[in-house]
Amino acid sequence: MKSNVSGCSVEEAMRLLGGRWRLLLVSYLVDGPKRFNELRRDLPRISPRSLTLDLRALEEAGLVRRTVHQTAPVKVEYELTVDGERLRPVVSVMMDFGLWLKERPPSLA
């Protein structure tokens, strides 16, 4: 991951959550644990590689926990950690903002 250039706290958050999928993944995990293929169904346009890389990055940051259940076949679940739960308000604000964007008339610019 790239380093924070400006020292700004917003840049630090965007360094971790920026990109197309990470905050969206978090938004799906807010509802509870999900398996890899459930997340793929929720985000059909994400490639398996991108999903894996983004889940690993969120896991390394301590925001997502990966649990392997020793069953046949092996069951792997992803869920938010206590630190990841701190993103709930961020997801909520982004959802509200997205709804506002969808409802407003197109700009004249």
PDB file of N, CA and C in Angstrom:
ATOM      1  N   MET A   1       0.826  -1.168   0.000  1.00  0.00           N
ATOM      2  CA  MET A   1       0.000   0.000   0.000  1.00  0.00           C
ATOM      3  C   MET A   1       0.881   1.246   0.000  1.00  0.00           C
ATOM      4  N   LYS A   2       0.440   2.276  -0.682  1.00  0.00           N
ATOM      5  CA  LYS A   2       1.197   3.519  -0.738  1.00  0.00           C
ATOM      6  C   LYS A   2       1.199   4.191   0.622  1.00  0.00           C
ATOM      7  N   SER A   3       2.203   5.037   0.848  1.00  0.00           N
ATOM      8  CA  SER A   3       2.279   5.739   2.120  1.00  0.00           C
ATOM      9  C   SER A   3       1.530   7.064   2.044  1.00  0.00           C
ATOM     10  N   ASN A   4       1.197   7.590   3.200  1.00  0.00           N
ATOM     11  CA  ASN A   4       0.495   8.859   3.334  1.00  0.00           C
ATOM     12  C   ASN A   4       1.485   9.982   3.043  1.00  0.00           C
ATOM     13  N   VAL A   5       1.229  10.757   2.002  1.00  0.00           N
ATOM     14  CA  VAL A   5       2.154  11.799   1.565  1.00  0.00           C
ATOM     15  C   VAL A   5       1.945  13.100   2.339  1.00  0.00           C
ATOM     16  N   SER A   6       0.690  13.484   2.533  1.00  0.00           N
ATOM     17  CA  SER A   6       0.395  14.791   3.134  1.00  0.00           C
ATOM     18  C   SER A   6       0.330  14.753   4.653  1.00  0.00           C
ATOM     19  N   GLY A   7       0.165  13.581   5.233  1.00  0.00           N
ATOM     20  CA  GLY A   7      -0.017  13.487   6.676  1.00  0.00           C
ATOM     21  C   GLY A   7      -1.455  13.742   7.093  1.00  0.00           C
ATOM     22  N   CYS A   8      -2.329  13.998   6.149  1.00  0.00           N
ATOM     23  CA  CYS A   8      -3.741  14.301   6.398  1.00  0.00           C
ATOM     24  C   CYS A   8      -4.490  13.028   6.809  1.00  0.00           C
ATOM     25  N   SER A   9      -5.384  13.154   7.795  1.00  0.00           N
ATOM     26  CA  SER A   9      -6.142  12.000   8.261  1.00  0.00           C
ATOM     27  C   SER A   9      -7.107  11.476   7.192  1.00  0.00           C
ATOM     28  N   VAL A  10      -7.642  12.372   6.356  1.00  0.00           N
ATOM     29  CA  VAL A  10      -8.528  11.936   5.275  1.00  0.00           C
ATOM     30  C   VAL A  10      -7.741  11.107   4.267  1.00  0.00           C
ATOM     31  N   GLU A  11      -6.522  11.547   3.959  1.00  0.00           N
ATOM     32  CA  GLU A  11      -5.689  10.772   3.042  1.00  0.00           C
ATOM     33  C   GLU A  11      -5.392   9.395   3.622  1.00  0.00           C
ATOM     34  N   GLU A  12      -5.157   9.326   4.918  1.00  0.00           N
ATOM     35  CA  GLU A  12      -4.877   8.040   5.568  1.00  0.00           C
ATOM     36  C   GLU A  12      -6.062   7.094   5.421  1.00  0.00           C
ATOM     37  N   ALA A  13      -7.267   7.620   5.640  1.00  0.00           N
ATOM     38  CA  ALA A  13      -8.469   6.795   5.483  1.00  0.00           C
ATOM     39  C   ALA A  13      -8.645   6.361   4.036  1.00  0.00           C
ATOM     40  N   MET A  14      -8.428   7.279   3.095  1.00  0.00           N
ATOM     41  CA  MET A  14      -8.588   6.953   1.675  1.00  0.00           C
ATOM     42  C   MET A  14      -7.512   5.978   1.199  1.00  0.00           C
ATOM     43  N   ARG A  15      -6.342   6.046   1.792  1.00  0.00           N
ATOM     44  CA  ARG A  15      -5.275   5.108   1.443  1.00  0.00           C
ATOM     45  C   ARG A  15      -5.737   3.670   1.702  1.00  0.00           C
ATOM     46  N   LEU A  16      -6.455   3.484   2.782  1.00  0.00           N
ATOM     47  CA  LEU A  16      -6.932   2.149   3.122  1.00  0.00           C
ATOM     48  C   LEU A  16      -8.249   1.805   2.436  1.00  0.00           C
ATOM     49  N   LEU A  17      -9.179   2.740   2.398  1.00  0.00           N
ATOM     50  CA  LEU A  17     -10.532   2.446   1.919  1.00  0.00           C
ATOM     51  C   LEU A  17     -10.799   2.909   0.497  1.00  0.00           C
ATOM     52  N   GLY A  18      -9.824   3.600  -0.106  1.00  0.00           N
ATOM     53  CA  GLY A  18     -10.020   4.104  -1.457  1.00  0.00           C
ATOM     54  C   GLY A  18     -10.111   2.971  -2.462  1.00  0.00           C
ATOM     55  N   GLY A  19     -10.379   3.326  -3.671  1.00  0.00           N
ATOM     56  CA  GLY A  19     -10.546   2.305  -4.705  1.00  0.00           C
ATOM     57  C   GLY A  19     -12.011   1.983  -4.872  1.00  0.00           C
ATOM     58  N   ARG A  20     -12.269   1.087  -5.746  1.00  0.00           N
ATOM     59  CA  ARG A  20     -13.642   0.815  -6.144  1.00  0.00           C
ATOM     60  C   ARG A  20     -14.417  -0.071  -5.170  1.00  0.00           C
ATOM     61  N   TRP A  21     -13.751  -1.017  -4.501  1.00  0.00           N
ATOM     62  CA  TRP A  21     -14.483  -2.074  -3.823  1.00  0.00           C
ATOM     63  C   TRP A  21     -14.423  -2.093  -2.296  1.00  0.00           C
ATOM     64  N   ARG A  22     -13.397  -1.552  -1.677  1.00  0.00           N
ATOM     65  CA  ARG A  22     -13.181  -1.793  -0.244  1.00  0.00           C
ATOM     66  C   ARG A  22     -14.312  -1.293   0.641  1.00  0.00           C
ATOM     67  N   LEU A  23     -14.720  -0.054   0.481  1.00  0.00           N
ATOM     68  CA  LEU A  23     -15.804   0.446   1.328  1.00  0.00           C
ATOM     69  C   LEU A  23     -17.109  -0.269   0.993  1.00  0.00           C
ATOM     70  N   LEU A  24     -17.273  -0.638  -0.256  1.00  0.00           N
ATOM     71  CA  LEU A  24     -18.458  -1.396  -0.648  1.00  0.00           C
ATOM     72  C   LEU A  24     -18.462  -2.773   0.023  1.00  0.00           C
ATOM     73  N   LEU A  25     -17.312  -3.417   0.077  1.00  0.00           N
ATOM     74  CA  LEU A  25     -17.204  -4.695   0.793  1.00  0.00           C
ATOM     75  C   LEU A  25     -17.583  -4.515   2.259  1.00  0.00           C
ATOM     76  N   VAL A  26     -17.057  -3.474   2.870  1.00  0.00           N
ATOM     77  CA  VAL A  26     -17.388  -3.196   4.268  1.00  0.00           C
ATOM     78  C   VAL A  26     -18.897  -3.014   4.418  1.00  0.00           C
ATOM     79  N   SER A  27     -19.522  -2.321   3.462  1.00  0.00           N
ATOM     80  CA  SER A  27     -20.964  -2.080   3.562  1.00  0.00           C
ATOM     81  C   SER A  27     -21.763  -3.383   3.537  1.00  0.00           C
ATOM     82  N   TYR A  28     -21.285  -4.376   2.824  1.00  0.00           N
ATOM     83  CA  TYR A  28     -21.971  -5.668   2.815  1.00  0.00           C
ATOM     84  C   TYR A  28     -21.691  -6.463   4.088  1.00  0.00           C
ATOM     85  N   LEU A  29     -20.551  -6.240   4.698  1.00  0.00           N
ATOM     86  CA  LEU A  29     -20.213  -6.955   5.932  1.00  0.00           C
ATOM     87  C   LEU A  29     -20.844  -6.313   7.165  1.00  0.00           C
ATOM     88  N   VAL A  30     -21.369  -5.113   7.036  1.00  0.00           N
ATOM     89  CA  VAL A  30     -22.059  -4.455   8.148  1.00  0.00           C
ATOM     90  C   VAL A  30     -23.252  -5.304   8.591  1.00  0.00           C
ATOM     91  N   ASP A  31     -23.866  -6.008   7.662  1.00  0.00           N
ATOM     92  CA  ASP A  31     -25.046  -6.831   7.965  1.00  0.00           C
ATOM     93  C   ASP A  31     -24.700  -8.148   8.647  1.00  0.00           C
ATOM     94  N   GLY A  32     -23.424  -8.479   8.734  1.00  0.00           N
ATOM     95  CA  GLY A  32     -23.007  -9.718   9.380  1.00  0.00           C
ATOM     96  C   GLY A  32     -22.033 -10.490   8.517  1.00  0.00           C
ATOM     97  N   PRO A  33     -21.552 -11.633   9.036  1.00  0.00           N
ATOM     98  CA  PRO A  33     -20.559 -12.430   8.310  1.00  0.00           C
ATOM     99  C   PRO A  33     -21.069 -12.890   6.949  1.00  0.00           C
ATOM    100  N   LYS A  34     -20.143 -12.965   6.007  1.00  0.00           N
ATOM    101  CA  LYS A  34     -20.462 -13.449   4.658  1.00  0.00           C
ATOM    102  C   LYS A  34     -19.346 -14.354   4.180  1.00  0.00           C
ATOM    103  N   ARG A  35     -19.723 -15.319   3.358  1.00  0.00           N
ATOM    104  CA  ARG A  35     -18.740 -16.175   2.714  1.00  0.00           C
ATOM    105  C   ARG A  35     -18.248 -15.511   1.431  1.00  0.00           C
ATOM    106  N   PHE A  36     -17.128 -15.987   0.929  1.00  0.00           N
ATOM    107  CA  PHE A  36     -16.504 -15.417  -0.272  1.00  0.00           C
ATOM    108  C   PHE A  36     -17.499 -15.351  -1.429  1.00  0.00           C
ATOM    109  N   ASN A  37     -18.179 -16.458  -1.699  1.00  0.00           N
ATOM    110  CA  ASN A  37     -19.101 -16.487  -2.844  1.00  0.00           C
ATOM    111  C   ASN A  37     -20.336 -15.617  -2.623  1.00  0.00           C
ATOM    112  N   GLU A  38     -20.729 -15.405  -1.376  1.00  0.00           N
ATOM    113  CA  GLU A  38     -21.821 -14.476  -1.105  1.00  0.00           C
ATOM    114  C   GLU A  38     -21.400 -13.061  -1.492  1.00  0.00           C
ATOM    115  N   LEU A  39     -20.166 -12.702  -1.153  1.00  0.00           N
ATOM    116  CA  LEU A  39     -19.647 -11.386  -1.527  1.00  0.00           C
ATOM    117  C   LEU A  39     -19.527 -11.264  -3.046  1.00  0.00           C
ATOM    118  N   ARG A  40     -19.150 -12.343  -3.700  1.00  0.00           N
ATOM    119  CA  ARG A  40     -19.081 -12.330  -5.179  1.00  0.00           C
ATOM    120  C   ARG A  40     -20.458 -12.103  -5.778  1.00  0.00           C
ATOM    121  N   ARG A  41     -21.482 -12.721  -5.184  1.00  0.00           N
ATOM    122  CA  ARG A  41     -22.850 -12.501  -5.676  1.00  0.00           C
ATOM    123  C   ARG A  41     -23.308 -11.066  -5.414  1.00  0.00           C
ATOM    124  N   ASP A  42     -22.918 -10.515  -4.264  1.00  0.00           N
ATOM    125  CA  ASP A  42     -23.272  -9.134  -3.951  1.00  0.00           C
ATOM    126  C   ASP A  42     -22.587  -8.156  -4.902  1.00  0.00           C
ATOM    127  N   LEU A  43     -21.383  -8.502  -5.335  1.00  0.00           N
ATOM    128  CA  LEU A  43     -20.573  -7.641  -6.218  1.00  0.00           C
ATOM    129  C   LEU A  43     -20.203  -8.417  -7.477  1.00  0.00           C
ATOM    130  N   PRO A  44     -21.158  -8.662  -8.363  1.00  0.00           N
ATOM    131  CA  PRO A  44     -20.894  -9.543  -9.506  1.00  0.00           C
ATOM    132  C   PRO A  44     -19.812  -9.046 -10.465  1.00  0.00           C
ATOM    133  N   ARG A  45     -19.481  -7.751 -10.431  1.00  0.00           N
ATOM    134  CA  ARG A  45     -18.485  -7.228 -11.373  1.00  0.00           C
ATOM    135  C   ARG A  45     -17.065  -7.287 -10.832  1.00  0.00           C
ATOM    136  N   ILE A  46     -16.898  -7.691  -9.568  1.00  0.00           N
ATOM    137  CA  ILE A  46     -15.553  -7.779  -9.008  1.00  0.00           C
ATOM    138  C   ILE A  46     -14.926  -9.104  -9.430  1.00  0.00           C
ATOM    139  N   SER A  47     -13.664  -9.064  -9.774  1.00  0.00           N
ATOM    140  CA  SER A  47     -12.976 -10.309 -10.130  1.00  0.00           C
ATOM    141  C   SER A  47     -12.597 -11.046  -8.844  1.00  0.00           C
ATOM    142  N   PRO A  48     -12.475 -12.362  -8.911  1.00  0.00           N
ATOM    143  CA  PRO A  48     -12.061 -13.116  -7.720  1.00  0.00           C
ATOM    144  C   PRO A  48     -10.724 -12.619  -7.173  1.00  0.00           C
ATOM    145  N   ARG A  49      -9.819 -12.251  -8.061  1.00  0.00           N
ATOM    146  CA  ARG A  49      -8.507 -11.744  -7.618  1.00  0.00           C
ATOM    147  C   ARG A  49      -8.645 -10.430  -6.851  1.00  0.00           C
ATOM    148  N   SER A  50      -9.427  -9.501  -7.381  1.00  0.00           N
ATOM    149  CA  SER A  50      -9.628  -8.219  -6.698  1.00  0.00           C
ATOM    150  C   SER A  50     -10.317  -8.417  -5.357  1.00  0.00           C
ATOM    151  N   LEU A  51     -11.300  -9.297  -5.327  1.00  0.00           N
ATOM    152  CA  LEU A  51     -11.996  -9.581  -4.072  1.00  0.00           C
ATOM    153  C   LEU A  51     -11.018 -10.129  -3.039  1.00  0.00           C
ATOM    154  N   THR A  52     -10.205 -11.080  -3.445  1.00  0.00           N
ATOM    155  CA  THR A  52      -9.213 -11.668  -2.545  1.00  0.00           C
ATOM    156  C   THR A  52      -8.232 -10.616  -2.048  1.00  0.00           C
ATOM    157  N   LEU A  53      -7.696  -9.809  -2.954  1.00  0.00           N
ATOM    158  CA  LEU A  53      -6.717  -8.792  -2.572  1.00  0.00           C
ATOM    159  C   LEU A  53      -7.314  -7.750  -1.628  1.00  0.00           C
ATOM    160  N   ASP A  54      -8.530  -7.315  -1.909  1.00  0.00           N
ATOM    161  CA  ASP A  54      -9.154  -6.307  -1.056  1.00  0.00           C
ATOM    162  C   ASP A  54      -9.525  -6.879   0.307  1.00  0.00           C
ATOM    163  N   LEU A  55     -10.011  -8.107   0.347  1.00  0.00           N
ATOM    164  CA  LEU A  55     -10.301  -8.731   1.641  1.00  0.00           C
ATOM    165  C   LEU A  55      -9.019  -8.901   2.458  1.00  0.00           C
ATOM    166  N   ARG A  56      -7.935  -9.288   1.804  1.00  0.00           N
ATOM    167  CA  ARG A  56      -6.653  -9.428   2.508  1.00  0.00           C
ATOM    168  C   ARG A  56      -6.176  -8.090   3.067  1.00  0.00           C
ATOM    169  N   ALA A  57      -6.309  -7.023   2.265  1.00  0.00           N
ATOM    170  CA  ALA A  57      -5.880  -5.701   2.726  1.00  0.00           C
ATOM    171  C   ALA A  57      -6.706  -5.253   3.931  1.00  0.00           C
ATOM    172  N   LEU A  58      -8.009  -5.488   3.892  1.00  0.00           N
ATOM    173  CA  LEU A  58      -8.861  -5.127   5.020  1.00  0.00           C
ATOM    174  C   LEU A  58      -8.545  -5.986   6.246  1.00  0.00           C
ATOM    175  N   GLU A  59      -8.197  -7.238   5.993  1.00  0.00           N
ATOM    176  CA  GLU A  59      -7.810  -8.138   7.085  1.00  0.00           C
ATOM    177  C   GLU A  59      -6.483  -7.684   7.706  1.00  0.00           C
ATOM    178  N   GLU A  60      -5.508  -7.350   6.877  1.00  0.00           N
ATOM    179  CA  GLU A  60      -4.210  -6.887   7.368  1.00  0.00           C
ATOM    180  C   GLU A  60      -4.345  -5.593   8.164  1.00  0.00           C
ATOM    181  N   ALA A  61      -5.322  -4.765   7.802  1.00  0.00           N
ATOM    182  CA  ALA A  61      -5.556  -3.506   8.504  1.00  0.00           C
ATOM    183  C   ALA A  61      -6.320  -3.723   9.808  1.00  0.00           C
ATOM    184  N   GLY A  62      -6.769  -4.963  10.037  1.00  0.00           N
ATOM    185  CA  GLY A  62      -7.488  -5.268  11.270  1.00  0.00           C
ATOM    186  C   GLY A  62      -8.953  -4.887  11.237  1.00  0.00           C
ATOM    187  N   LEU A  63      -9.502  -4.671  10.038  1.00  0.00           N
ATOM    188  CA  LEU A  63     -10.902  -4.272   9.909  1.00  0.00           C
ATOM    189  C   LEU A  63     -11.823  -5.455   9.614  1.00  0.00           C
ATOM    190  N   VAL A  64     -11.260  -6.516   9.061  1.00  0.00           N
ATOM    191  CA  VAL A  64     -12.028  -7.708   8.696  1.00  0.00           C
ATOM    192  C   VAL A  64     -11.339  -8.926   9.288  1.00  0.00           C
ATOM    193  N   ARG A  65     -12.139  -9.852   9.776  1.00  0.00           N
ATOM    194  CA  ARG A  65     -11.632 -11.118  10.311  1.00  0.00           C
ATOM    195  C   ARG A  65     -12.034 -12.241   9.363  1.00  0.00           C
ATOM    196  N   ARG A  66     -11.090 -13.095   9.055  1.00  0.00           N
ATOM    197  CA  ARG A  66     -11.322 -14.267   8.208  1.00  0.00           C
ATOM    198  C   ARG A  66     -11.326 -15.481   9.121  1.00  0.00           C
ATOM    199  N   THR A  67     -12.419 -16.228   9.108  1.00  0.00           N
ATOM    200  CA  THR A  67     -12.547 -17.417   9.952  1.00  0.00           C
ATOM    201  C   THR A  67     -12.712 -18.636   9.060  1.00  0.00           C
ATOM    202  N   VAL A  68     -11.861 -19.630   9.280  1.00  0.00           N
ATOM    203  CA  VAL A  68     -11.923 -20.882   8.529  1.00  0.00           C
ATOM    204  C   VAL A  68     -12.566 -21.935   9.418  1.00  0.00           C
ATOM    205  N   HIS A  69     -13.694 -22.477   8.963  1.00  0.00           N
ATOM    206  CA  HIS A  69     -14.388 -23.545   9.676  1.00  0.00           C
ATOM    207  C   HIS A  69     -13.981 -24.870   9.045  1.00  0.00           C
ATOM    208  N   GLN A  70     -13.457 -25.769   9.837  1.00  0.00           N
ATOM    209  CA  GLN A  70     -12.967 -27.063   9.332  1.00  0.00           C
ATOM    210  C   GLN A  70     -14.142 -28.015   9.111  1.00  0.00           C
ATOM    211  N   THR A  71     -14.824 -27.802   8.004  1.00  0.00           N
ATOM    212  CA  THR A  71     -15.924 -28.669   7.585  1.00  0.00           C
ATOM    213  C   THR A  71     -15.570 -29.214   6.211  1.00  0.00           C
ATOM    214  N   ALA A  72     -16.397 -30.087   5.703  1.00  0.00           N
ATOM    215  CA  ALA A  72     -16.180 -30.585   4.349  1.00  0.00           C
ATOM    216  C   ALA A  72     -17.368 -30.144   3.504  1.00  0.00           C
ATOM    217  N   PRO A  73     -17.187 -29.290   2.537  1.00  0.00           N
ATOM    218  CA  PRO A  73     -15.968 -28.548   2.202  1.00  0.00           C
ATOM    219  C   PRO A  73     -15.679 -27.465   3.255  1.00  0.00           C
ATOM    220  N   VAL A  74     -14.468 -26.963   3.216  1.00  0.00           N
ATOM    221  CA  VAL A  74     -14.048 -25.930   4.160  1.00  0.00           C
ATOM    222  C   VAL A  74     -14.920 -24.686   3.964  1.00  0.00           C
ATOM    223  N   LYS A  75     -15.352 -24.115   5.072  1.00  0.00           N
ATOM    224  CA  LYS A  75     -16.195 -22.914   5.037  1.00  0.00           C
ATOM    225  C   LYS A  75     -15.370 -21.743   5.570  1.00  0.00           C
ATOM    226  N   VAL A  76     -15.272 -20.675   4.768  1.00  0.00           N
ATOM    227  CA  VAL A  76     -14.526 -19.478   5.162  1.00  0.00           C
ATOM    228  C   VAL A  76     -15.509 -18.321   5.222  1.00  0.00           C
ATOM    229  N   GLU A  77     -15.495 -17.609   6.353  1.00  0.00           N
ATOM    230  CA  GLU A  77     -16.370 -16.452   6.528  1.00  0.00           C
ATOM    231  C   GLU A  77     -15.544 -15.200   6.798  1.00  0.00           C
ATOM    232  N   TYR A  78     -16.084 -14.089   6.355  1.00  0.00           N
ATOM    233  CA  TYR A  78     -15.472 -12.786   6.596  1.00  0.00           C
ATOM    234  C   TYR A  78     -16.466 -11.952   7.385  1.00  0.00           C
ATOM    235  N   GLU A  79     -15.944 -11.236   8.391  1.00  0.00           N
ATOM    236  CA  GLU A  79     -16.797 -10.358   9.179  1.00  0.00           C
ATOM    237  C   GLU A  79     -15.991  -9.167   9.662  1.00  0.00           C
ATOM    238  N   LEU A  80     -16.697  -8.120  10.033  1.00  0.00           N
ATOM    239  CA  LEU A  80     -16.023  -6.941  10.564  1.00  0.00           C
ATOM    240  C   LEU A  80     -15.495  -7.233  11.960  1.00  0.00           C
ATOM    241  N   THR A  81     -14.329  -6.703  12.258  1.00  0.00           N
ATOM    242  CA  THR A  81     -13.772  -6.775  13.607  1.00  0.00           C
ATOM    243  C   THR A  81     -14.364  -5.609  14.413  1.00  0.00           C
ATOM    244  N   VAL A  82     -13.976  -5.516  15.673  1.00  0.00           N
ATOM    245  CA  VAL A  82     -14.399  -4.379  16.493  1.00  0.00           C
ATOM    246  C   VAL A  82     -13.937  -3.072  15.845  1.00  0.00           C
ATOM    247  N   ASP A  83     -12.700  -3.051  15.347  1.00  0.00           N
ATOM    248  CA  ASP A  83     -12.203  -1.857  14.650  1.00  0.00           C
ATOM    249  C   ASP A  83     -12.994  -1.613  13.361  1.00  0.00           C
ATOM    250  N   GLY A  84     -13.335  -2.676  12.655  1.00  0.00           N
ATOM    251  CA  GLY A  84     -14.117  -2.544  11.429  1.00  0.00           C
ATOM    252  C   GLY A  84     -15.506  -1.986  11.684  1.00  0.00           C
ATOM    253  N   GLU A  85     -16.063  -2.283  12.857  1.00  0.00           N
ATOM    254  CA  GLU A  85     -17.382  -1.756  13.223  1.00  0.00           C
ATOM    255  C   GLU A  85     -17.378  -0.231  13.293  1.00  0.00           C
ATOM    256  N   ARG A  86     -16.208   0.354  13.491  1.00  0.00           N
ATOM    257  CA  ARG A  86     -16.110   1.819  13.529  1.00  0.00           C
ATOM    258  C   ARG A  86     -16.462   2.435  12.170  1.00  0.00           C
ATOM    259  N   LEU A  87     -16.521   1.632  11.128  1.00  0.00           N
ATOM    260  CA  LEU A  87     -16.864   2.123   9.798  1.00  0.00           C
ATOM    261  C   LEU A  87     -18.375   2.205   9.567  1.00  0.00           C
ATOM    262  N   ARG A  88     -19.184   1.702  10.487  1.00  0.00           N
ATOM    263  CA  ARG A  88     -20.642   1.773  10.332  1.00  0.00           C
ATOM    264  C   ARG A  88     -21.132   3.187  10.023  1.00  0.00           C
ATOM    265  N   PRO A  89     -20.718   4.205  10.811  1.00  0.00           N
ATOM    266  CA  PRO A  89     -21.196   5.554  10.495  1.00  0.00           C
ATOM    267  C   PRO A  89     -20.728   6.045   9.126  1.00  0.00           C
ATOM    268  N   VAL A  90     -19.539   5.643   8.719  1.00  0.00           N
ATOM    269  CA  VAL A  90     -19.022   6.039   7.399  1.00  0.00           C
ATOM    270  C   VAL A  90     -19.906   5.439   6.312  1.00  0.00           C
ATOM    271  N   VAL A  91     -20.236   4.158   6.446  1.00  0.00           N
ATOM    272  CA  VAL A  91     -21.102   3.481   5.479  1.00  0.00           C
ATOM    273  C   VAL A  91     -22.470   4.162   5.448  1.00  0.00           C
ATOM    274  N   SER A  92     -22.993   4.497   6.608  1.00  0.00           N
ATOM    275  CA  SER A  92     -24.303   5.145   6.689  1.00  0.00           C
ATOM    276  C   SER A  92     -24.300   6.502   5.977  1.00  0.00           C
ATOM    277  N   VAL A  93     -23.276   7.302   6.218  1.00  0.00           N
ATOM    278  CA  VAL A  93     -23.171   8.610   5.568  1.00  0.00           C
ATOM    279  C   VAL A  93     -23.029   8.434   4.055  1.00  0.00           C
ATOM    280  N   MET A  94     -22.231   7.474   3.620  1.00  0.00           N
ATOM    281  CA  MET A  94     -22.058   7.237   2.187  1.00  0.00           C
ATOM    282  C   MET A  94     -23.367   6.778   1.546  1.00  0.00           C
ATOM    283  N   MET A  95     -24.130   5.947   2.256  1.00  0.00           N
ATOM    284  CA  MET A  95     -25.427   5.505   1.729  1.00  0.00           C
ATOM    285  C   MET A  95     -26.375   6.693   1.581  1.00  0.00           C
ATOM    286  N   ASP A  96     -26.439   7.541   2.608  1.00  0.00           N
ATOM    287  CA  ASP A  96     -27.302   8.726   2.546  1.00  0.00           C
ATOM    288  C   ASP A  96     -26.884   9.639   1.396  1.00  0.00           C
ATOM    289  N   PHE A  97     -25.585   9.854   1.260  1.00  0.00           N
ATOM    290  CA  PHE A  97     -25.078  10.713   0.195  1.00  0.00           C
ATOM    291  C   PHE A  97     -25.390  10.111  -1.182  1.00  0.00           C
ATOM    292  N   GLY A  98     -25.217   8.803  -1.320  1.00  0.00           N
ATOM    293  CA  GLY A  98     -25.527   8.129  -2.579  1.00  0.00           C
ATOM    294  C   GLY A  98     -26.997   8.242  -2.941  1.00  0.00           C
ATOM    295  N   LEU A  99     -27.878   8.095  -1.946  1.00  0.00           N
ATOM    296  CA  LEU A  99     -29.317   8.262  -2.198  1.00  0.00           C
ATOM    297  C   LEU A  99     -29.621   9.691  -2.636  1.00  0.00           C
ATOM    298  N   TRP A 100     -28.987  10.658  -1.987  1.00  0.00           N
ATOM    299  CA  TRP A 100     -29.170  12.058  -2.371  1.00  0.00           C
ATOM    300  C   TRP A 100     -28.716  12.274  -3.814  1.00  0.00           C
ATOM    301  N   LEU A 101     -27.558  11.707  -4.166  1.00  0.00           N
ATOM    302  CA  LEU A 101     -27.056  11.858  -5.542  1.00  0.00           C
ATOM    303  C   LEU A 101     -28.011  11.260  -6.556  1.00  0.00           C
ATOM    304  N   LYS A 102     -28.582  10.098  -6.233  1.00  0.00           N
ATOM    305  CA  LYS A 102     -29.491   9.437  -7.168  1.00  0.00           C
ATOM    306  C   LYS A 102     -30.797  10.209  -7.350  1.00  0.00           C
ATOM    307  N   GLU A 103     -31.218  10.939  -6.313  1.00  0.00           N
ATOM    308  CA  GLU A 103     -32.506  11.623  -6.357  1.00  0.00           C
ATOM    309  C   GLU A 103     -32.422  13.044  -6.904  1.00  0.00           C
ATOM    310  N   ARG A 104     -31.259  13.663  -6.873  1.00  0.00           N
ATOM    311  CA  ARG A 104     -31.179  15.055  -7.297  1.00  0.00           C
ATOM    312  C   ARG A 104     -31.249  15.153  -8.817  1.00  0.00           C
ATOM    313  N   PRO A 105     -31.718  16.281  -9.294  1.00  0.00           N
ATOM    314  CA  PRO A 105     -31.777  16.448 -10.760  1.00  0.00           C
ATOM    315  C   PRO A 105     -30.379  16.547 -11.338  1.00  0.00           C
ATOM    316  N   PRO A 106     -30.214  16.168 -12.595  1.00  0.00           N
ATOM    317  CA  PRO A 106     -28.876  16.265 -13.228  1.00  0.00           C
ATOM    318  C   PRO A 106     -28.404  17.712 -13.210  1.00  0.00           C
ATOM    319  N   SER A 107     -27.109  17.882 -13.021  1.00  0.00           N
ATOM    320  CA  SER A 107     -26.557  19.237 -12.980  1.00  0.00           C
ATOM    321  C   SER A 107     -26.616  19.868 -14.366  1.00  0.00           C
ATOM    322  N   LEU A 108     -26.654  21.169 -14.380  1.00  0.00           N
ATOM    323  CA  LEU A 108     -26.719  21.900 -15.641  1.00  0.00           C
ATOM    324  C   LEU A 108     -25.332  22.238 -16.161  1.00  0.00           C
ATOM    325  N   ALA A 109     -24.308  21.905 -15.403  1.00  0.00           N
ATOM    326  CA  ALA A 109     -22.923  22.254 -15.798  1.00  0.00           C
ATOM    327  C   ALA A 109     -22.457  21.430 -16.964  1.00  0.00           C
TER     328      ALA A 109
END
